[in-house]
Structure formats: structure tokens, C-alpha cells
């Protein structure tokens, strides 16, 4: 079951769902980090594990890309 999202939050969900394949790009995450730094805030990336306790491959890839 999918909850309708919007342009900014396409999945419309707060928690991990198997059918939710949305992921932010490296560039989007870097922009969020830039905004958080500007207002001296923390940024919660909210990358949660699947039912098996592992990160989705697409989430892991974006996090690894942030190191480069």
C-alpha cells in the first residue's frame, strides 16, 4: 500500500517499506547538509535497515558516494 507523497517527499512515508524505492541523490543530500550547516543544525538522514537488518543497496551507494 502506498501513501501519496509530493514533489519534495515522493514516497509520502516516514518508515521503511519494501515497495518504497525512493532515494535522495548525492547532490540532494549535500544540499541538505549545506542548509543544515548554515543554520547550525543536525541532519538526520533517516536511512533505516530493512526487515533483514541491512541497508538497501541504493541507500548504501549514496552514503558511500558522499565520501568522494
Protein backbone atom coordinates (compact mmCIF):
# COMPACT_ATOMS: atom_id res chain seq x y z
CA UNK A 1 0.00 0.00 0.00
CA UNK A 2 1.46 3.36 -1.00
CA UNK A 3 0.76 6.70 0.61
CA UNK A 4 0.67 9.53 -1.89
CA UNK A 5 3.62 11.85 -1.49
CA UNK A 6 4.52 15.11 -3.14
CA UNK A 7 7.36 16.53 -5.23
CA UNK A 8 9.57 17.12 -2.19
CA UNK A 9 8.75 13.82 -0.45
CA UNK A 10 7.73 11.42 -3.23
CA UNK A 11 7.20 8.32 -1.12
CA UNK A 12 4.94 10.02 1.41
CA UNK A 13 6.35 7.73 4.12
CA UNK A 14 8.40 8.08 7.26
CA UNK A 15 9.39 4.44 7.67
CA UNK A 16 10.96 1.72 5.55
CA UNK A 17 8.59 -0.17 3.28
CA UNK A 18 9.65 -2.89 0.87
CA UNK A 19 7.79 -1.24 -2.02
CA UNK A 20 9.35 2.20 -1.40
CA UNK A 21 12.33 2.57 -3.74
CA UNK A 22 12.80 6.33 -3.31
CA UNK A 23 16.29 7.57 -2.56
CA UNK A 24 17.93 11.00 -2.48
CA UNK A 25 20.87 11.67 -4.75
CA UNK A 26 24.32 12.59 -3.51
CA UNK A 27 23.73 16.15 -4.73
CA UNK A 28 20.43 16.43 -2.84
CA UNK A 29 22.00 15.14 0.38
CA UNK A 30 24.91 17.57 0.02
CA UNK A 31 22.44 20.43 -0.43
CA UNK A 32 20.58 19.38 2.74
CA UNK A 33 23.92 19.25 4.60
CA UNK A 34 24.77 22.73 3.33
CA UNK A 35 21.44 24.10 4.57
CA UNK A 36 21.83 22.37 7.94
CA UNK A 37 25.31 23.79 8.37
CA UNK A 38 24.09 27.29 7.52
CA UNK A 39 21.58 27.20 10.38
CA UNK A 40 23.86 25.19 12.69
CA UNK A 41 21.50 22.22 12.73
CA UNK A 42 21.87 18.47 12.74
CA UNK A 43 20.73 16.50 9.72
CA UNK A 44 19.02 13.16 10.23
CA UNK A 45 19.48 11.14 7.04
CA UNK A 46 16.91 8.56 8.19
CA UNK A 47 18.50 5.61 6.43
CA UNK A 48 16.95 2.66 8.17
CA UNK A 49 17.56 -1.06 7.82
CA UNK A 50 15.27 -3.48 6.03
CA UNK A 51 13.42 -6.29 7.78
CA UNK A 52 16.65 -8.29 7.45
CA UNK A 53 18.61 -5.63 9.34
CA UNK A 54 20.67 -4.42 6.36
CA UNK A 55 20.73 -1.19 4.40
CA UNK A 56 19.24 -1.16 0.92
CA UNK A 57 21.90 -1.21 -1.79
CA UNK A 58 20.73 2.14 -3.20
CA UNK A 59 20.93 3.84 0.23
CA UNK A 60 24.36 2.37 0.89
CA UNK A 61 25.59 3.61 -2.50
CA UNK A 62 24.54 7.21 -1.83
CA UNK A 63 26.21 7.13 1.59
CA UNK A 64 29.43 5.78 0.04
CA UNK A 65 29.25 8.42 -2.70
CA UNK A 66 29.22 11.14 -0.01
CA UNK A 67 32.76 10.13 0.92
CA UNK A 68 34.03 11.00 -2.55
